């Protein structure tokens, strides 16, 4: 089940997080976080942090999006261009 962007943003806010706070904690630009939230970014590290913050599995939020990186041996070297 794919999580709707509005639901994701709502759950982040309920957990006390904004995209700015996530970006600061991860040391990335807010645009990187925004792209992941809206399904345009490919940063598995950002996606995993978001999932942890809201207590959800990455696969439930973005089904199939990050599993291919694991199959290829881990991190996508192009995933966090905004850093």
N, C-alpha and C. Protein backbone atom coordinates (compact mmCIF):
# COMPACT_ATOMS: atom_id res chain seq x y z
N UNK A 1 0.84 -1.19 0.00
CA UNK A 1 0.00 0.00 0.00
C UNK A 1 0.88 1.24 0.00
N UNK A 2 0.66 2.11 -0.93
CA UNK A 2 1.40 3.37 -1.04
C UNK A 2 0.78 4.41 -0.10
N UNK A 3 1.62 5.11 0.63
CA UNK A 3 1.12 6.15 1.53
C UNK A 3 0.98 7.45 0.75
N UNK A 4 -0.15 8.08 0.87
CA UNK A 4 -0.42 9.37 0.23
C UNK A 4 0.53 10.43 0.79
N UNK A 5 0.98 11.35 -0.05
CA UNK A 5 1.90 12.41 0.36
C UNK A 5 1.32 13.24 1.50
N UNK A 6 0.06 13.56 1.42
CA UNK A 6 -0.57 14.36 2.47
C UNK A 6 -0.57 13.60 3.80
N UNK A 7 -0.84 12.30 3.75
CA UNK A 7 -0.79 11.49 4.97
C UNK A 7 0.63 11.44 5.54
N UNK A 8 1.61 11.32 4.66
CA UNK A 8 3.00 11.28 5.09
C UNK A 8 3.40 12.58 5.78
N UNK A 9 3.07 13.70 5.17
CA UNK A 9 3.38 15.01 5.76
C UNK A 9 2.67 15.18 7.10
N UNK A 10 1.41 14.76 7.17
CA UNK A 10 0.65 14.82 8.41
C UNK A 10 1.33 14.01 9.52
N UNK A 11 1.76 12.80 9.17
CA UNK A 11 2.40 11.94 10.17
C UNK A 11 3.74 12.50 10.62
N UNK A 12 4.46 13.12 9.71
CA UNK A 12 5.72 13.78 10.09
C UNK A 12 5.44 14.91 11.08
N UNK A 13 4.44 15.73 10.78
CA UNK A 13 4.10 16.84 11.68
C UNK A 13 3.66 16.34 13.04
N UNK A 14 2.88 15.27 13.07
CA UNK A 14 2.44 14.69 14.35
C UNK A 14 3.61 14.18 15.17
N UNK A 15 4.66 13.75 14.47
CA UNK A 15 5.87 13.27 15.15
C UNK A 15 6.80 14.43 15.53
N UNK A 16 6.39 15.67 15.19
CA UNK A 16 7.19 16.84 15.53
C UNK A 16 8.27 17.17 14.52
N UNK A 17 8.10 16.68 13.30
CA UNK A 17 9.12 16.89 12.27
C UNK A 17 8.59 17.72 11.11
N UNK A 18 9.48 18.56 10.60
CA UNK A 18 9.25 19.27 9.35
C UNK A 18 10.31 18.79 8.37
N UNK A 19 10.16 19.15 7.12
CA UNK A 19 11.17 18.80 6.13
C UNK A 19 12.50 19.48 6.46
N UNK A 20 12.43 20.68 7.00
CA UNK A 20 13.64 21.41 7.38
C UNK A 20 14.37 20.65 8.49
N UNK A 21 13.65 20.21 9.50
CA UNK A 21 14.28 19.46 10.60
C UNK A 21 14.91 18.17 10.09
N UNK A 22 14.19 17.44 9.24
CA UNK A 22 14.75 16.21 8.68
C UNK A 22 16.04 16.50 7.92
N UNK A 23 16.02 17.55 7.10
CA UNK A 23 17.19 17.92 6.31
C UNK A 23 18.37 18.26 7.22
N UNK A 24 18.11 19.02 8.28
CA UNK A 24 19.18 19.39 9.21
C UNK A 24 19.77 18.16 9.89
N UNK A 25 18.92 17.26 10.34
CA UNK A 25 19.39 16.05 11.02
C UNK A 25 20.23 15.17 10.10
N UNK A 26 19.88 15.16 8.82
CA UNK A 26 20.56 14.29 7.86
C UNK A 26 21.71 14.98 7.13
N UNK A 27 21.81 16.30 7.28
CA UNK A 27 22.87 17.03 6.60
C UNK A 27 22.68 17.13 5.10
N UNK A 28 21.42 17.23 4.68
CA UNK A 28 21.11 17.38 3.26
C UNK A 28 20.27 18.64 3.06
N UNK A 29 20.10 19.03 1.83
CA UNK A 29 19.24 20.18 1.53
C UNK A 29 17.77 19.77 1.69
N UNK A 30 16.95 20.76 2.05
CA UNK A 30 15.52 20.49 2.21
C UNK A 30 14.92 19.95 0.92
N UNK A 31 15.43 20.38 -0.22
CA UNK A 31 14.92 19.91 -1.51
C UNK A 31 15.09 18.40 -1.67
N UNK A 32 16.15 17.85 -1.10
CA UNK A 32 16.36 16.40 -1.16
C UNK A 32 15.25 15.69 -0.39
N UNK A 33 14.95 16.19 0.81
CA UNK A 33 13.88 15.62 1.62
C UNK A 33 12.55 15.76 0.90
N UNK A 34 12.28 16.94 0.35
CA UNK A 34 11.03 17.19 -0.36
C UNK A 34 10.86 16.23 -1.54
N UNK A 35 11.94 16.01 -2.28
CA UNK A 35 11.86 15.09 -3.42
C UNK A 35 11.53 13.67 -2.97
N UNK A 36 12.11 13.23 -1.86
CA UNK A 36 11.81 11.88 -1.35
C UNK A 36 10.36 11.82 -0.89
N UNK A 37 9.92 12.80 -0.13
CA UNK A 37 8.54 12.83 0.37
C UNK A 37 7.54 12.73 -0.79
N UNK A 38 7.83 13.43 -1.88
CA UNK A 38 6.92 13.45 -3.02
C UNK A 38 7.19 12.34 -4.04
N UNK A 39 8.08 11.42 -3.69
CA UNK A 39 8.33 10.27 -4.57
C UNK A 39 9.20 10.57 -5.77
N UNK A 40 9.88 11.72 -5.76
CA UNK A 40 10.75 12.08 -6.89
C UNK A 40 12.21 11.78 -6.61
N UNK A 41 12.56 11.68 -5.34
CA UNK A 41 13.96 11.45 -4.96
C UNK A 41 14.23 9.98 -4.74
N UNK A 42 15.52 9.64 -4.75
CA UNK A 42 15.90 8.24 -4.61
C UNK A 42 16.84 7.99 -3.44
N UNK A 43 16.88 8.89 -2.47
CA UNK A 43 17.79 8.71 -1.34
C UNK A 43 17.22 7.71 -0.35
N UNK A 44 17.80 6.53 -0.34
CA UNK A 44 17.33 5.50 0.59
C UNK A 44 17.60 5.91 2.03
N UNK A 45 18.68 6.63 2.27
CA UNK A 45 19.00 7.08 3.63
C UNK A 45 17.93 8.03 4.15
N UNK A 46 17.50 8.98 3.32
CA UNK A 46 16.44 9.91 3.72
C UNK A 46 15.13 9.16 3.91
N UNK A 47 14.80 8.28 2.98
CA UNK A 47 13.56 7.51 3.07
C UNK A 47 13.53 6.67 4.35
N UNK A 48 14.64 6.05 4.67
CA UNK A 48 14.71 5.22 5.88
C UNK A 48 14.53 6.06 7.13
N UNK A 49 15.12 7.25 7.15
CA UNK A 49 14.98 8.13 8.31
C UNK A 49 13.52 8.58 8.46
N UNK A 50 12.89 8.94 7.36
CA UNK A 50 11.48 9.34 7.39
C UNK A 50 10.63 8.19 7.94
N UNK A 51 10.86 6.99 7.43
CA UNK A 51 10.09 5.83 7.88
C UNK A 51 10.28 5.59 9.37
N UNK A 52 11.50 5.73 9.84
CA UNK A 52 11.80 5.54 11.26
C UNK A 52 11.06 6.57 12.11
N UNK A 53 11.09 7.82 11.67
CA UNK A 53 10.44 8.91 12.40
C UNK A 53 8.95 8.66 12.57
N UNK A 54 8.29 8.14 11.54
CA UNK A 54 6.84 7.93 11.63
C UNK A 54 6.48 6.50 12.04
N UNK A 55 7.49 5.66 12.28
CA UNK A 55 7.23 4.30 12.74
C UNK A 55 6.63 3.41 11.68
N UNK A 56 7.11 3.52 10.48
CA UNK A 56 6.55 2.77 9.35
C UNK A 56 7.69 2.11 8.57
N UNK A 57 7.37 1.09 7.80
CA UNK A 57 8.34 0.44 6.92
C UNK A 57 8.47 1.25 5.63
N UNK A 58 9.70 1.38 5.13
CA UNK A 58 9.94 2.11 3.88
C UNK A 58 9.09 1.52 2.76
N UNK A 59 9.02 0.20 2.70
CA UNK A 59 8.28 -0.49 1.63
C UNK A 59 6.79 -0.15 1.67
N UNK A 60 6.27 0.12 2.83
CA UNK A 60 4.84 0.48 2.94
C UNK A 60 4.59 1.91 2.45
N UNK A 61 5.55 2.78 2.64
CA UNK A 61 5.40 4.17 2.20
C UNK A 61 5.63 4.29 0.70
N UNK A 62 6.71 3.66 0.23
CA UNK A 62 7.08 3.73 -1.20
C UNK A 62 7.30 2.31 -1.72
N UNK A 63 6.23 1.56 -1.99
CA UNK A 63 6.37 0.16 -2.41
C UNK A 63 7.26 0.00 -3.65
N UNK A 64 8.25 -0.87 -3.52
CA UNK A 64 9.12 -1.21 -4.64
C UNK A 64 10.16 -0.17 -5.01
N UNK A 65 10.08 1.01 -4.44
CA UNK A 65 10.98 2.09 -4.85
C UNK A 65 12.43 1.88 -4.40
N UNK A 66 12.64 1.37 -3.22
CA UNK A 66 13.99 1.25 -2.69
C UNK A 66 14.51 -0.17 -2.67
N UNK A 67 13.68 -1.15 -2.89
CA UNK A 67 14.13 -2.54 -2.87
C UNK A 67 15.11 -2.82 -4.00
N UNK A 68 15.02 -2.14 -5.13
CA UNK A 68 15.94 -2.39 -6.24
C UNK A 68 17.36 -1.97 -5.89
N UNK A 69 17.52 -0.94 -5.03
CA UNK A 69 18.86 -0.52 -4.62
C UNK A 69 19.52 -1.60 -3.77
N UNK A 70 18.73 -2.24 -2.91
CA UNK A 70 19.27 -3.32 -2.09
C UNK A 70 19.72 -4.47 -2.98
N UNK A 71 18.92 -4.78 -4.00
CA UNK A 71 19.24 -5.87 -4.91
C UNK A 71 20.52 -5.60 -5.69
N UNK A 72 20.84 -4.32 -5.88
CA UNK A 72 22.03 -3.95 -6.64
C UNK A 72 23.25 -3.80 -5.73
N UNK A 73 23.12 -4.15 -4.48
CA UNK A 73 24.27 -4.10 -3.59
C UNK A 73 24.31 -2.90 -2.69
N UNK A 74 23.18 -2.29 -2.43
CA UNK A 74 23.15 -1.21 -1.45
C UNK A 74 22.83 0.14 -2.01
N UNK A 75 23.64 1.09 -1.65
CA UNK A 75 23.38 2.50 -1.89
C UNK A 75 23.46 2.86 -3.37
N UNK A 76 22.54 3.71 -3.79
CA UNK A 76 22.56 4.27 -5.14
C UNK A 76 23.50 5.46 -5.11
N UNK A 77 24.61 5.44 -5.86
CA UNK A 77 25.58 6.52 -5.78
C UNK A 77 25.06 7.86 -6.27
N UNK A 78 23.96 7.87 -6.98
CA UNK A 78 23.39 9.11 -7.50
C UNK A 78 22.19 9.58 -6.69
N UNK A 79 21.90 8.92 -5.60
CA UNK A 79 20.66 9.15 -4.86
C UNK A 79 20.61 10.48 -4.13
N UNK A 80 21.73 11.03 -3.71
CA UNK A 80 21.70 12.22 -2.86
C UNK A 80 22.47 13.36 -3.49
N UNK A 81 22.16 13.68 -4.71
CA UNK A 81 22.87 14.73 -5.44
C UNK A 81 22.77 16.09 -4.78
N UNK A 82 21.74 16.32 -3.97
CA UNK A 82 21.53 17.63 -3.37
C UNK A 82 22.39 17.91 -2.17
N UNK A 83 23.22 17.00 -1.77
CA UNK A 83 24.04 17.21 -0.57
C UNK A 83 25.17 18.14 -0.86
